[in-house]
Amino acid sequence: MTHVMKLAQKLGIAFLVGIALASSGFQGTTLATDNPPTSPSLHARVTRAQAERAALTKVPGGKVKSAKLAQENGQLIWSIDIVTPLTKKIAAVQVDARSGKVLSKLAQTPGDRAEESVGAQKKK
């Protein structure tokens, strides 16, 4: 019985804290919700949509082909591939998942991407 009472007391406190934060206009960190809870997105402050918008500013007229959240060199980044319809070039844009800053942009042709894919498969 004591265990149930302690649990109820903790839940009551958590509920009161939640109400206090909600009524205070608390502006907490927005977490990315594009991936399951076990992913690194729990530490991302920039959502996938925000990262895509930032990347598209570097590739006018482009369309997002794919986006994924990854750790690279200890830094959490959104890696976004953008296709430019007229040229068929693919821009690989990296966006910092904590600040939203565009870190790099690399333009490739579909042939370049195919060569990378073949090289990666040979290493396995």
PDB file of N, CA and C in Angstrom:
ATOM      1  N   MET A   1       0.829  -1.192   0.000  1.00  0.00           N
ATOM      2  CA  MET A   1       0.000   0.000   0.000  1.00  0.00           C
ATOM      3  C   MET A   1       0.871   1.253   0.000  1.00  0.00           C
ATOM      4  N   THR A   2       1.977   1.213   0.715  1.00  0.00           N
ATOM      5  CA  THR A   2       2.861   2.372   0.792  1.00  0.00           C
ATOM      6  C   THR A   2       3.443   2.702  -0.579  1.00  0.00           C
ATOM      7  N   HIS A   3       3.786   1.657  -1.335  1.00  0.00           N
ATOM      8  CA  HIS A   3       4.351   1.862  -2.676  1.00  0.00           C
ATOM      9  C   HIS A   3       3.350   2.591  -3.579  1.00  0.00           C
ATOM     10  N   VAL A   4       2.099   2.212  -3.493  1.00  0.00           N
ATOM     11  CA  VAL A   4       1.058   2.845  -4.308  1.00  0.00           C
ATOM     12  C   VAL A   4       0.902   4.309  -3.913  1.00  0.00           C
ATOM     13  N   MET A   5       0.983   4.597  -2.628  1.00  0.00           N
ATOM     14  CA  MET A   5       0.831   5.978  -2.156  1.00  0.00           C
ATOM     15  C   MET A   5       2.004   6.835  -2.633  1.00  0.00           C
ATOM     16  N   LYS A   6       3.208   6.283  -2.590  1.00  0.00           N
ATOM     17  CA  LYS A   6       4.379   7.035  -3.057  1.00  0.00           C
ATOM     18  C   LYS A   6       4.282   7.318  -4.552  1.00  0.00           C
ATOM     19  N   LEU A   7       3.825   6.327  -5.308  1.00  0.00           N
ATOM     20  CA  LEU A   7       3.653   6.503  -6.733  1.00  0.00           C
ATOM     21  C   LEU A   7       2.607   7.577  -7.029  1.00  0.00           C
ATOM     22  N   ALA A   8       1.498   7.531  -6.311  1.00  0.00           N
ATOM     23  CA  ALA A   8       0.442   8.530  -6.488  1.00  0.00           C
ATOM     24  C   ALA A   8       0.953   9.923  -6.140  1.00  0.00           C
ATOM     25  N   GLN A   9       1.762  10.020  -5.105  1.00  0.00           N
ATOM     26  CA  GLN A   9       2.320  11.312  -4.695  1.00  0.00           C
ATOM     27  C   GLN A   9       3.265  11.852  -5.785  1.00  0.00           C
ATOM     28  N   LYS A  10       4.104  10.976  -6.351  1.00  0.00           N
ATOM     29  CA  LYS A  10       5.014  11.408  -7.411  1.00  0.00           C
ATOM     30  C   LYS A  10       4.248  11.852  -8.650  1.00  0.00           C
ATOM     31  N   LEU A  11       3.215  11.098  -8.999  1.00  0.00           N
ATOM     32  CA  LEU A  11       2.402  11.481 -10.158  1.00  0.00           C
ATOM     33  C   LEU A  11       1.705  12.813  -9.920  1.00  0.00           C
ATOM     34  N   GLY A  12       1.240  13.027  -8.710  1.00  0.00           N
ATOM     35  CA  GLY A  12       0.588  14.296  -8.367  1.00  0.00           C
ATOM     36  C   GLY A  12       1.546  15.468  -8.496  1.00  0.00           C
ATOM     37  N   ILE A  13       2.775  15.279  -8.042  1.00  0.00           N
ATOM     38  CA  ILE A  13       3.785  16.333  -8.141  1.00  0.00           C
ATOM     39  C   ILE A  13       4.115  16.617  -9.610  1.00  0.00           C
ATOM     40  N   ALA A  14       4.281  15.542 -10.378  1.00  0.00           N
ATOM     41  CA  ALA A  14       4.583  15.711 -11.802  1.00  0.00           C
ATOM     42  C   ALA A  14       3.442  16.451 -12.502  1.00  0.00           C
ATOM     43  N   PHE A  15       2.212  16.128 -12.139  1.00  0.00           N
ATOM     44  CA  PHE A  15       1.045  16.784 -12.719  1.00  0.00           C
ATOM     45  C   PHE A  15       1.041  18.270 -12.381  1.00  0.00           C
ATOM     46  N   LEU A  16       1.333  18.605 -11.130  1.00  0.00           N
ATOM     47  CA  LEU A  16       1.353  20.009 -10.707  1.00  0.00           C
ATOM     48  C   LEU A  16       2.465  20.792 -11.408  1.00  0.00           C
ATOM     49  N   VAL A  17       3.616  20.174 -11.558  1.00  0.00           N
ATOM     50  CA  VAL A  17       4.724  20.828 -12.265  1.00  0.00           C
ATOM     51  C   VAL A  17       4.336  21.073 -13.718  1.00  0.00           C
ATOM     52  N   GLY A  18       3.688  20.092 -14.335  1.00  0.00           N
ATOM     53  CA  GLY A  18       3.236  20.250 -15.714  1.00  0.00           C
ATOM     54  C   GLY A  18       2.256  21.395 -15.866  1.00  0.00           C
ATOM     55  N   ILE A  19       1.317  21.492 -14.941  1.00  0.00           N
ATOM     56  CA  ILE A  19       0.341  22.582 -14.981  1.00  0.00           C
ATOM     57  C   ILE A  19       1.038  23.927 -14.781  1.00  0.00           C
ATOM     58  N   ALA A  20       1.982  23.977 -13.853  1.00  0.00           N
ATOM     59  CA  ALA A  20       2.702  25.223 -13.586  1.00  0.00           C
ATOM     60  C   ALA A  20       3.487  25.666 -14.823  1.00  0.00           C
ATOM     61  N   LEU A  21       4.151  24.716 -15.492  1.00  0.00           N
ATOM     62  CA  LEU A  21       4.914  25.058 -16.691  1.00  0.00           C
ATOM     63  C   LEU A  21       3.991  25.492 -17.832  1.00  0.00           C
ATOM     64  N   ALA A  22       2.890  24.801 -17.990  1.00  0.00           N
ATOM     65  CA  ALA A  22       1.955  25.141 -19.063  1.00  0.00           C
ATOM     66  C   ALA A  22       1.344  26.525 -18.855  1.00  0.00           C
ATOM     67  N   SER A  23       1.010  26.852 -17.625  1.00  0.00           N
ATOM     68  CA  SER A  23       0.369  28.145 -17.367  1.00  0.00           C
ATOM     69  C   SER A  23       1.371  29.301 -17.330  1.00  0.00           C
ATOM     70  N   SER A  24       2.647  28.987 -17.199  1.00  0.00           N
ATOM     71  CA  SER A  24       3.647  30.054 -17.123  1.00  0.00           C
ATOM     72  C   SER A  24       4.108  30.512 -18.501  1.00  0.00           C
ATOM     73  N   GLY A  25       3.648  29.852 -19.557  1.00  0.00           N
ATOM     74  CA  GLY A  25       4.094  30.224 -20.908  1.00  0.00           C
ATOM     75  C   GLY A  25       5.503  29.738 -21.170  1.00  0.00           C
ATOM     76  N   PHE A  26       5.924  28.676 -20.519  1.00  0.00           N
ATOM     77  CA  PHE A  26       7.267  28.114 -20.661  1.00  0.00           C
ATOM     78  C   PHE A  26       7.561  27.799 -22.121  1.00  0.00           C
ATOM     79  N   GLN A  27       8.655  28.316 -22.632  1.00  0.00           N
ATOM     80  CA  GLN A  27       9.083  28.071 -24.006  1.00  0.00           C
ATOM     81  C   GLN A  27      10.243  27.090 -23.982  1.00  0.00           C
ATOM     82  N   GLY A  28       9.959  25.818 -23.863  1.00  0.00           N
ATOM     83  CA  GLY A  28      10.995  24.791 -23.783  1.00  0.00           C
ATOM     84  C   GLY A  28      11.594  24.481 -25.142  1.00  0.00           C
ATOM     85  N   THR A  29      12.544  23.594 -25.149  1.00  0.00           N
ATOM     86  CA  THR A  29      13.187  23.158 -26.373  1.00  0.00           C
ATOM     87  C   THR A  29      12.239  22.266 -27.157  1.00  0.00           C
ATOM     88  N   THR A  30      12.113  22.537 -28.423  1.00  0.00           N
ATOM     89  CA  THR A  30      11.299  21.687 -29.291  1.00  0.00           C
ATOM     90  C   THR A  30      12.166  20.529 -29.744  1.00  0.00           C
ATOM     91  N   LEU A  31      11.675  19.335 -29.543  1.00  0.00           N
ATOM     92  CA  LEU A  31      12.426  18.160 -29.947  1.00  0.00           C
ATOM     93  C   LEU A  31      11.925  17.662 -31.288  1.00  0.00           C
ATOM     94  N   ALA A  32      12.836  17.157 -32.089  1.00  0.00           N
ATOM     95  CA  ALA A  32      12.434  16.576 -33.371  1.00  0.00           C
ATOM     96  C   ALA A  32      11.645  15.308 -33.096  1.00  0.00           C
ATOM     97  N   THR A  33      10.576  15.097 -33.833  1.00  0.00           N
ATOM     98  CA  THR A  33       9.738  13.929 -33.602  1.00  0.00           C
ATOM     99  C   THR A  33       9.617  13.070 -34.852  1.00  0.00           C
ATOM    100  N   ASP A  34      10.586  13.166 -35.751  1.00  0.00           N
ATOM    101  CA  ASP A  34      10.512  12.424 -36.999  1.00  0.00           C
ATOM    102  C   ASP A  34      10.963  10.975 -36.866  1.00  0.00           C
ATOM    103  N   ASN A  35      11.599  10.625 -35.764  1.00  0.00           N
ATOM    104  CA  ASN A  35      12.151   9.286 -35.599  1.00  0.00           C
ATOM    105  C   ASN A  35      11.702   8.676 -34.282  1.00  0.00           C
ATOM    106  N   PRO A  36      11.858   7.366 -34.121  1.00  0.00           N
ATOM    107  CA  PRO A  36      11.474   6.719 -32.869  1.00  0.00           C
ATOM    108  C   PRO A  36      12.241   7.281 -31.678  1.00  0.00           C
ATOM    109  N   PRO A  37      11.711   7.133 -30.457  1.00  0.00           N
ATOM    110  CA  PRO A  37      12.334   7.699 -29.262  1.00  0.00           C
ATOM    111  C   PRO A  37      13.758   7.225 -29.004  1.00  0.00           C
ATOM    112  N   THR A  38      14.183   6.106 -29.557  1.00  0.00           N
ATOM    113  CA  THR A  38      15.532   5.612 -29.316  1.00  0.00           C
ATOM    114  C   THR A  38      16.567   6.278 -30.209  1.00  0.00           C
ATOM    115  N   SER A  39      16.134   7.105 -31.155  1.00  0.00           N
ATOM    116  CA  SER A  39      17.054   7.720 -32.104  1.00  0.00           C
ATOM    117  C   SER A  39      17.717   8.961 -31.506  1.00  0.00           C
ATOM    118  N   PRO A  40      18.753   9.477 -32.174  1.00  0.00           N
ATOM    119  CA  PRO A  40      19.418  10.684 -31.700  1.00  0.00           C
ATOM    120  C   PRO A  40      18.536  11.924 -31.780  1.00  0.00           C
ATOM    121  N   SER A  41      17.343  11.805 -32.375  1.00  0.00           N
ATOM    122  CA  SER A  41      16.474  12.974 -32.510  1.00  0.00           C
ATOM    123  C   SER A  41      16.063  13.535 -31.159  1.00  0.00           C
ATOM    124  N   LEU A  42      16.216  12.750 -30.099  1.00  0.00           N
ATOM    125  CA  LEU A  42      15.877  13.250 -28.775  1.00  0.00           C
ATOM    126  C   LEU A  42      16.742  14.444 -28.398  1.00  0.00           C
ATOM    127  N   HIS A  43      17.877  14.586 -29.046  1.00  0.00           N
ATOM    128  CA  HIS A  43      18.780  15.683 -28.724  1.00  0.00           C
ATOM    129  C   HIS A  43      18.764  16.775 -29.798  1.00  0.00           C
ATOM    130  N   ALA A  44      17.983  16.583 -30.839  1.00  0.00           N
ATOM    131  CA  ALA A  44      17.911  17.560 -31.920  1.00  0.00           C
ATOM    132  C   ALA A  44      16.945  18.674 -31.529  1.00  0.00           C
ATOM    133  N   ARG A  45      17.361  19.887 -31.733  1.00  0.00           N
ATOM    134  CA  ARG A  45      16.492  21.039 -31.479  1.00  0.00           C
ATOM    135  C   ARG A  45      15.797  21.480 -32.758  1.00  0.00           C
ATOM    136  N   VAL A  46      16.334  21.037 -33.890  1.00  0.00           N
ATOM    137  CA  VAL A  46      15.810  21.414 -35.190  1.00  0.00           C
ATOM    138  C   VAL A  46      15.040  20.219 -35.758  1.00  0.00           C
ATOM    139  N   THR A  47      13.794  20.433 -36.148  1.00  0.00           N
ATOM    140  CA  THR A  47      12.995  19.353 -36.720  1.00  0.00           C
ATOM    141  C   THR A  47      13.415  19.095 -38.159  1.00  0.00           C
ATOM    142  N   ARG A  48      12.947  18.001 -38.688  1.00  0.00           N
ATOM    143  CA  ARG A  48      13.251  17.664 -40.075  1.00  0.00           C
ATOM    144  C   ARG A  48      12.747  18.765 -41.004  1.00  0.00           C
ATOM    145  N   ALA A  49      11.526  19.247 -40.775  1.00  0.00           N
ATOM    146  CA  ALA A  49      10.954  20.300 -41.636  1.00  0.00           C
ATOM    147  C   ALA A  49      11.782  21.576 -41.575  1.00  0.00           C
ATOM    148  N   GLN A  50      12.255  21.949 -40.393  1.00  0.00           N
ATOM    149  CA  GLN A  50      13.083  23.150 -40.254  1.00  0.00           C
ATOM    150  C   GLN A  50      14.410  22.969 -40.994  1.00  0.00           C
ATOM    151  N   ALA A  51      15.003  21.789 -40.866  1.00  0.00           N
ATOM    152  CA  ALA A  51      16.276  21.514 -41.547  1.00  0.00           C
ATOM    153  C   ALA A  51      16.097  21.532 -43.062  1.00  0.00           C
ATOM    154  N   GLU A  52      14.977  20.975 -43.537  1.00  0.00           N
ATOM    155  CA  GLU A  52      14.712  20.979 -44.974  1.00  0.00           C
ATOM    156  C   GLU A  52      14.564  22.405 -45.496  1.00  0.00           C
ATOM    157  N   ARG A  53      13.867  23.255 -44.749  1.00  0.00           N
ATOM    158  CA  ARG A  53      13.713  24.657 -45.182  1.00  0.00           C
ATOM    159  C   ARG A  53      15.068  25.353 -45.258  1.00  0.00           C
ATOM    160  N   ALA A  54      15.916  25.109 -44.263  1.00  0.00           N
ATOM    161  CA  ALA A  54      17.250  25.725 -44.261  1.00  0.00           C
ATOM    162  C   ALA A  54      18.065  25.234 -45.457  1.00  0.00           C
ATOM    163  N   ALA A  55      17.983  23.941 -45.745  1.00  0.00           N
ATOM    164  CA  ALA A  55      18.743  23.370 -46.859  1.00  0.00           C
ATOM    165  C   ALA A  55      18.241  23.908 -48.199  1.00  0.00           C
ATOM    166  N   LEU A  56      16.936  24.064 -48.325  1.00  0.00           N
ATOM    167  CA  LEU A  56      16.368  24.550 -49.589  1.00  0.00           C
ATOM    168  C   LEU A  56      16.763  25.993 -49.886  1.00  0.00           C
ATOM    169  N   THR A  57      17.154  26.751 -48.871  1.00  0.00           N
ATOM    170  CA  THR A  57      17.627  28.117 -49.138  1.00  0.00           C
ATOM    171  C   THR A  57      18.945  28.092 -49.912  1.00  0.00           C
ATOM    172  N   LYS A  58      19.672  26.993 -49.807  1.00  0.00           N
ATOM    173  CA  LYS A  58      20.954  26.861 -50.515  1.00  0.00           C
ATOM    174  C   LYS A  58      20.801  26.243 -51.901  1.00  0.00           C
ATOM    175  N   VAL A  59      19.616  25.699 -52.191  1.00  0.00           N
ATOM    176  CA  VAL A  59      19.369  25.070 -53.491  1.00  0.00           C
ATOM    177  C   VAL A  59      18.030  25.583 -54.025  1.00  0.00           C
ATOM    178  N   PRO A  60      18.015  26.804 -54.557  1.00  0.00           N
ATOM    179  CA  PRO A  60      16.766  27.373 -55.055  1.00  0.00           C
ATOM    180  C   PRO A  60      16.131  26.498 -56.143  1.00  0.00           C
ATOM    181  N   GLY A  61      14.832  26.282 -56.045  1.00  0.00           N
ATOM    182  CA  GLY A  61      14.109  25.481 -57.025  1.00  0.00           C
ATOM    183  C   GLY A  61      14.240  23.986 -56.827  1.00  0.00           C
ATOM    184  N   GLY A  62      14.946  23.569 -55.781  1.00  0.00           N
ATOM    185  CA  GLY A  62      15.148  22.143 -55.543  1.00  0.00           C
ATOM    186  C   GLY A  62      13.990  21.497 -54.805  1.00  0.00           C
ATOM    187  N   LYS A  63      13.965  20.160 -54.831  1.00  0.00           N
ATOM    188  CA  LYS A  63      12.962  19.378 -54.105  1.00  0.00           C
ATOM    189  C   LYS A  63      13.695  18.380 -53.212  1.00  0.00           C
ATOM    190  N   VAL A  64      13.255  18.263 -51.973  1.00  0.00           N
ATOM    191  CA  VAL A  64      13.890  17.338 -51.036  1.00  0.00           C
ATOM    192  C   VAL A  64      13.619  15.903 -51.478  1.00  0.00           C
ATOM    193  N   LYS A  65      14.688  15.148 -51.641  1.00  0.00           N
ATOM    194  CA  LYS A  65      14.589  13.737 -52.018  1.00  0.00           C
ATOM    195  C   LYS A  65      14.591  12.858 -50.772  1.00  0.00           C
ATOM    196  N   SER A  66      15.454  13.193 -49.802  1.00  0.00           N
ATOM    197  CA  SER A  66      15.518  12.428 -48.557  1.00  0.00           C
ATOM    198  C   SER A  66      16.181  13.273 -47.471  1.00  0.00           C
ATOM    199  N   ALA A  67      15.923  12.890 -46.233  1.00  0.00           N
ATOM    200  CA  ALA A  67      16.546  13.557 -45.089  1.00  0.00           C
ATOM    201  C   ALA A  67      16.715  12.534 -43.977  1.00  0.00           C
ATOM    202  N   LYS A  68      17.882  12.560 -43.349  1.00  0.00           N
ATOM    203  CA  LYS A  68      18.087  11.651 -42.223  1.00  0.00           C
ATOM    204  C   LYS A  68      18.939  12.335 -41.167  1.00  0.00           C
ATOM    205  N   LEU A  69      18.711  11.935 -39.944  1.00  0.00           N
ATOM    206  CA  LEU A  69      19.432  12.469 -38.798  1.00  0.00           C
ATOM    207  C   LEU A  69      20.554  11.506 -38.458  1.00  0.00           C
ATOM    208  N   ALA A  70      21.763  12.025 -38.289  1.00  0.00           N
ATOM    209  CA  ALA A  70      22.910  11.151 -38.031  1.00  0.00           C
ATOM    210  C   ALA A  70      23.960  11.861 -37.182  1.00  0.00           C
ATOM    211  N   GLN A  71      24.796  11.059 -36.541  1.00  0.00           N
ATOM    212  CA  GLN A  71      25.964  11.560 -35.807  1.00  0.00           C
ATOM    213  C   GLN A  71      27.133  11.521 -36.775  1.00  0.00           C
ATOM    214  N   GLU A  72      27.815  12.629 -36.955  1.00  0.00           N
ATOM    215  CA  GLU A  72      29.028  12.664 -37.762  1.00  0.00           C
ATOM    216  C   GLU A  72      30.093  13.429 -37.007  1.00  0.00           C
ATOM    217  N   ASN A  73      31.191  12.743 -36.742  1.00  0.00           N
ATOM    218  CA  ASN A  73      32.303  13.346 -36.010  1.00  0.00           C
ATOM    219  C   ASN A  73      31.828  13.953 -34.685  1.00  0.00           C
ATOM    220  N   GLY A  74      30.935  13.252 -34.006  1.00  0.00           N
ATOM    221  CA  GLY A  74      30.447  13.713 -32.706  1.00  0.00           C
ATOM    222  C   GLY A  74      29.413  14.824 -32.776  1.00  0.00           C
ATOM    223  N   GLN A  75      28.993  15.185 -33.969  1.00  0.00           N
ATOM    224  CA  GLN A  75      28.027  16.272 -34.147  1.00  0.00           C
ATOM    225  C   GLN A  75      26.749  15.703 -34.746  1.00  0.00           C
ATOM    226  N   LEU A  76      25.615  16.106 -34.199  1.00  0.00           N
ATOM    227  CA  LEU A  76      24.323  15.665 -34.689  1.00  0.00           C
ATOM    228  C   LEU A  76      23.912  16.545 -35.869  1.00  0.00           C
ATOM    229  N   ILE A  77      23.710  15.914 -37.031  1.00  0.00           N
ATOM    230  CA  ILE A  77      23.387  16.686 -38.231  1.00  0.00           C
ATOM    231  C   ILE A  77      22.212  16.062 -38.984  1.00  0.00           C
ATOM    232  N   TRP A  78      21.508  16.918 -39.711  1.00  0.00           N
ATOM    233  CA  TRP A  78      20.529  16.467 -40.692  1.00  0.00           C
ATOM    234  C   TRP A  78      21.259  16.410 -42.014  1.00  0.00           C
ATOM    235  N   SER A  79      21.213  15.269 -42.683  1.00  0.00           N
ATOM    236  CA  SER A  79      21.809  15.105 -44.001  1.00  0.00           C
ATOM    237  C   SER A  79      20.655  15.075 -44.992  1.00  0.00           C
ATOM    238  N   ILE A  80      20.585  16.080 -45.859  1.00  0.00           N
ATOM    239  CA  ILE A  80      19.438  16.261 -46.737  1.00  0.00           C
ATOM    240  C   ILE A  80      19.888  16.234 -48.190  1.00  0.00           C
ATOM    241  N   ASP A  81      19.246  15.365 -48.984  1.00  0.00           N
ATOM    242  CA  ASP A  81      19.514  15.291 -50.419  1.00  0.00           C
ATOM    243  C   ASP A  81      18.419  16.062 -51.139  1.00  0.00           C
ATOM    244  N   ILE A  82      18.842  16.987 -52.004  1.00  0.00           N
ATOM    245  CA  ILE A  82      17.906  17.828 -52.750  1.00  0.00           C
ATOM    246  C   ILE A  82      18.184  17.670 -54.236  1.00  0.00           C
ATOM    247  N   VAL A  83      17.122  17.412 -55.002  1.00  0.00           N
ATOM    248  CA  VAL A  83      17.229  17.253 -56.448  1.00  0.00           C
ATOM    249  C   VAL A  83      16.829  18.559 -57.111  1.00  0.00           C
ATOM    250  N   THR A  84      17.634  18.977 -58.100  1.00  0.00           N
ATOM    251  CA  THR A  84      17.283  20.133 -58.915  1.00  0.00           C
ATOM    252  C   THR A  84      16.675  19.584 -60.194  1.00  0.00           C
ATOM    253  N   PRO A  85      15.364  19.782 -60.410  1.00  0.00           N
ATOM    254  CA  PRO A  85      14.657  19.143 -61.526  1.00  0.00           C
ATOM    255  C   PRO A  85      15.272  19.356 -62.907  1.00  0.00           C
ATOM    256  N   LEU A  86      15.675  20.549 -63.264  1.00  0.00           N
ATOM    257  CA  LEU A  86      16.176  20.798 -64.617  1.00  0.00           C
ATOM    258  C   LEU A  86      17.548  20.183 -64.875  1.00  0.00           C
ATOM    259  N   THR A  87      18.405  20.195 -63.864  1.00  0.00           N
ATOM    260  CA  THR A  87      19.767  19.695 -64.056  1.00  0.00           C
ATOM    261  C   THR A  87      19.925  18.246 -63.618  1.00  0.00           C
ATOM    262  N   LYS A  88      18.984  17.742 -62.846  1.00  0.00           N
ATOM    263  CA  LYS A  88      19.039  16.382 -62.285  1.00  0.00           C
ATOM    264  C   LYS A  88      20.205  16.212 -61.303  1.00  0.00           C
ATOM    265  N   LYS A  89      20.846  17.320 -60.938  1.00  0.00           N
ATOM    266  CA  LYS A  89      21.922  17.240 -59.958  1.00  0.00           C
ATOM    267  C   LYS A  89      21.325  17.051 -58.562  1.00  0.00           C
ATOM    268  N   ILE A  90      22.095  16.404 -57.723  1.00  0.00           N
ATOM    269  CA  ILE A  90      21.683  16.179 -56.341  1.00  0.00           C
ATOM    270  C   ILE A  90      22.617  16.969 -55.440  1.00  0.00           C
ATOM    271  N   ALA A  91      22.033  17.783 -54.589  1.00  0.00           N
ATOM    272  CA  ALA A  91      22.827  18.542 -53.623  1.00  0.00           C
ATOM    273  C   ALA A  91      22.702  17.841 -52.273  1.00  0.00           C
ATOM    274  N   ALA A  92      23.837  17.490 -51.706  1.00  0.00           N
ATOM    275  CA  ALA A  92      23.872  16.910 -50.368  1.00  0.00           C
ATOM    276  C   ALA A  92      24.155  18.060 -49.406  1.00  0.00           C
ATOM    277  N   VAL A  93      23.170  18.409 -48.600  1.00  0.00           N
ATOM    278  CA  VAL A  93      23.286  19.542 -47.685  1.00  0.00           C
ATOM    279  C   VAL A  93      23.266  19.020 -46.253  1.00  0.00           C
ATOM    280  N   GLN A  94      24.202  19.512 -45.453  1.00  0.00           N
ATOM    281  CA  GLN A  94      24.244  19.133 -44.046  1.00  0.00           C
ATOM    282  C   GLN A  94      23.831  20.331 -43.194  1.00  0.00           C
ATOM    283  N   VAL A  95      22.889  20.077 -42.263  1.00  0.00           N
ATOM    284  CA  VAL A  95      22.366  21.118 -41.385  1.00  0.00           C
ATOM    285  C   VAL A  95      22.595  20.689 -39.939  1.00  0.00           C
ATOM    286  N   ASP A  96      23.149  21.590 -39.140  1.00  0.00           N
ATOM    287  CA  ASP A  96      23.368  21.314 -37.722  1.00  0.00           C
ATOM    288  C   ASP A  96      22.012  21.099 -37.046  1.00  0.00           C
ATOM    289  N   ALA A  97      21.826  19.952 -36.396  1.00  0.00           N
ATOM    290  CA  ALA A  97      20.539  19.601 -35.786  1.00  0.00           C
ATOM    291  C   ALA A  97      20.279  20.341 -34.482  1.00  0.00           C
ATOM    292  N   ARG A  98      21.260  21.056 -33.988  1.00  0.00           N
ATOM    293  CA  ARG A  98      21.059  21.825 -32.754  1.00  0.00           C
ATOM    294  C   ARG A  98      20.842  23.311 -33.037  1.00  0.00           C
ATOM    295  N   SER A  99      21.530  23.841 -34.061  1.00  0.00           N
ATOM    296  CA  SER A  99      21.435  25.278 -34.325  1.00  0.00           C
ATOM    297  C   SER A  99      20.618  25.617 -35.577  1.00  0.00           C
ATOM    298  N   GLY A 100      20.493  24.672 -36.511  1.00  0.00           N
ATOM    299  CA  GLY A 100      19.796  24.935 -37.756  1.00  0.00           C
ATOM    300  C   GLY A 100      20.676  25.573 -38.814  1.00  0.00           C
ATOM    301  N   LYS A 101      21.953  25.739 -38.528  1.00  0.00           N
ATOM    302  CA  LYS A 101      22.890  26.358 -39.463  1.00  0.00           C
ATOM    303  C   LYS A 101      23.299  25.351 -40.545  1.00  0.00           C
ATOM    304  N   VAL A 102      23.324  25.822 -41.805  1.00  0.00           N
ATOM    305  CA  VAL A 102      23.786  24.972 -42.901  1.00  0.00           C
ATOM    306  C   VAL A 102      25.295  24.846 -42.796  1.00  0.00           C
ATOM    307  N   LEU A 103      25.780  23.612 -42.701  1.00  0.00           N
ATOM    308  CA  LEU A 103      27.205  23.362 -42.508  1.00  0.00           C
ATOM    309  C   LEU A 103      27.942  23.172 -43.830  1.00  0.00           C
ATOM    310  N   SER A 104      27.299  22.482 -44.781  1.00  0.00           N
ATOM    311  CA  SER A 104      27.960  22.254 -46.064  1.00  0.00           C
ATOM    312  C   SER A 104      26.950  21.918 -47.145  1.00  0.00           C
ATOM    313  N   LYS A 105      27.405  22.078 -48.395  1.00  0.00           N
ATOM    314  CA  LYS A 105      26.589  21.733 -49.565  1.00  0.00           C
ATOM    315  C   LYS A 105      27.524  21.154 -50.608  1.00  0.00           C
ATOM    316  N   LEU A 106      27.176  19.982 -51.111  1.00  0.00           N
ATOM    317  CA  LEU A 106      27.980  19.319 -52.128  1.00  0.00           C
ATOM    318  C   LEU A 106      27.053  18.920 -53.266  1.00  0.00           C
ATOM    319  N   ALA A 107      27.329  19.387 -54.479  1.00  0.00           N
ATOM    320  CA  ALA A 107      26.504  19.056 -55.644  1.00  0.00           C
ATOM    321  C   ALA A 107      27.102  17.859 -56.359  1.00  0.00           C
ATOM    322  N   GLN A 108      26.225  16.911 -56.713  1.00  0.00           N
ATOM    323  CA  GLN A 108      26.663  15.709 -57.410  1.00  0.00           C
ATOM    324  C   GLN A 108      25.683  15.384 -58.526  1.00  0.00           C
ATOM    325  N   THR A 109      26.178  14.681 -59.539  1.00  0.00           N
ATOM    326  CA  THR A 109      25.295  14.176 -60.588  1.00  0.00           C
ATOM    327  C   THR A 109      24.836  12.790 -60.167  1.00  0.00           C
ATOM    328  N   PRO A 110      23.769  12.263 -60.759  1.00  0.00           N
ATOM    329  CA  PRO A 110      23.350  10.899 -60.428  1.00  0.00           C
ATOM    330  C   PRO A 110      24.462   9.878 -60.661  1.00  0.00           C
ATOM    331  N   GLY A 111      25.309  10.101 -61.676  1.00  0.00           N
ATOM    332  CA  GLY A 111      26.436   9.196 -61.931  1.00  0.00           C
ATOM    333  C   GLY A 111      27.432   9.178 -60.785  1.00  0.00           C
ATOM    334  N   ASP A 112      27.701  10.363 -60.207  1.00  0.00           N
ATOM    335  CA  ASP A 112      28.604  10.440 -59.051  1.00  0.00           C
ATOM    336  C   ASP A 112      28.060   9.607 -57.895  1.00  0.00           C
ATOM    337  N   ARG A 113      26.744   9.713 -57.674  1.00  0.00           N
ATOM    338  CA  ARG A 113      26.100   8.970 -56.585  1.00  0.00           C
ATOM    339  C   ARG A 113      26.188   7.468 -56.820  1.00  0.00           C
ATOM    340  N   ALA A 114      26.014   7.039 -58.078  1.00  0.00           N
ATOM    341  CA  ALA A 114      26.088   5.612 -58.400  1.00  0.00           C
ATOM    342  C   ALA A 114      27.490   5.079 -58.134  1.00  0.00           C
ATOM    343  N   GLU A 115      28.507   5.865 -58.498  1.00  0.00           N
ATOM    344  CA  GLU A 115      29.891   5.451 -58.247  1.00  0.00           C
ATOM    345  C   GLU A 115      30.155   5.316 -56.755  1.00  0.00           C
ATOM    346  N   GLU A 116      29.634   6.236 -55.946  1.00  0.00           N
ATOM    347  CA  GLU A 116      29.789   6.164 -54.498  1.00  0.00           C
ATOM    348  C   GLU A 116      29.143   4.900 -53.961  1.00  0.00           C
ATOM    349  N   SER A 117      27.966   4.586 -54.450  1.00  0.00           N
ATOM    350  CA  SER A 117      27.228   3.412 -54.000  1.00  0.00           C
ATOM    351  C   SER A 117      27.981   2.127 -54.326  1.00  0.00           C
ATOM    352  N   VAL A 118      28.528   2.021 -55.526  1.00  0.00           N
ATOM    353  CA  VAL A 118      29.292   0.856 -55.934  1.00  0.00           C
ATOM    354  C   VAL A 118      30.555   0.740 -55.083  1.00  0.00           C
ATOM    355  N   GLY A 119      31.229   1.840 -54.833  1.00  0.00           N
ATOM    356  CA  GLY A 119      32.437   1.826 -54.009  1.00  0.00           C
ATOM    357  C   GLY A 119      32.143   1.375 -52.589  1.00  0.00           C
ATOM    358  N   ALA A 120      31.022   1.813 -52.042  1.00  0.00           N
ATOM    359  CA  ALA A 120      30.647   1.415 -50.674  1.00  0.00           C
ATOM    360  C   ALA A 120      30.333  -0.062 -50.607  1.00  0.00           C
ATOM    361  N   GLN A 121      29.696  -0.609 -51.650  1.00  0.00           N
ATOM    362  CA  GLN A 121      29.346  -2.020 -51.656  1.00  0.00           C
ATOM    363  C   GLN A 121      30.585  -2.887 -51.785  1.00  0.00           C
ATOM    364  N   LYS A 122      31.606  -2.432 -52.530  1.00  0.00           N
ATOM    365  CA  LYS A 122      32.834  -3.189 -52.682  1.00  0.00           C
ATOM    366  C   LYS A 122      33.603  -3.291 -51.373  1.00  0.00           C
ATOM    367  N   LYS A 123      33.505  -2.262 -50.521  1.00  0.00           N
ATOM    368  CA  LYS A 123      34.212  -2.261 -49.240  1.00  0.00           C
ATOM    369  C   LYS A 123      33.651  -3.286 -48.275  1.00  0.00           C
ATOM    370  N   LYS A 124      32.369  -3.628 -48.443  1.00  0.00           N
ATOM    371  CA  LYS A 124      31.712  -4.582 -47.527  1.00  0.00           C
ATOM    372  C   LYS A 124      32.186  -5.938 -47.776  1.00  0.00           C
TER     373      LYS A 124
END
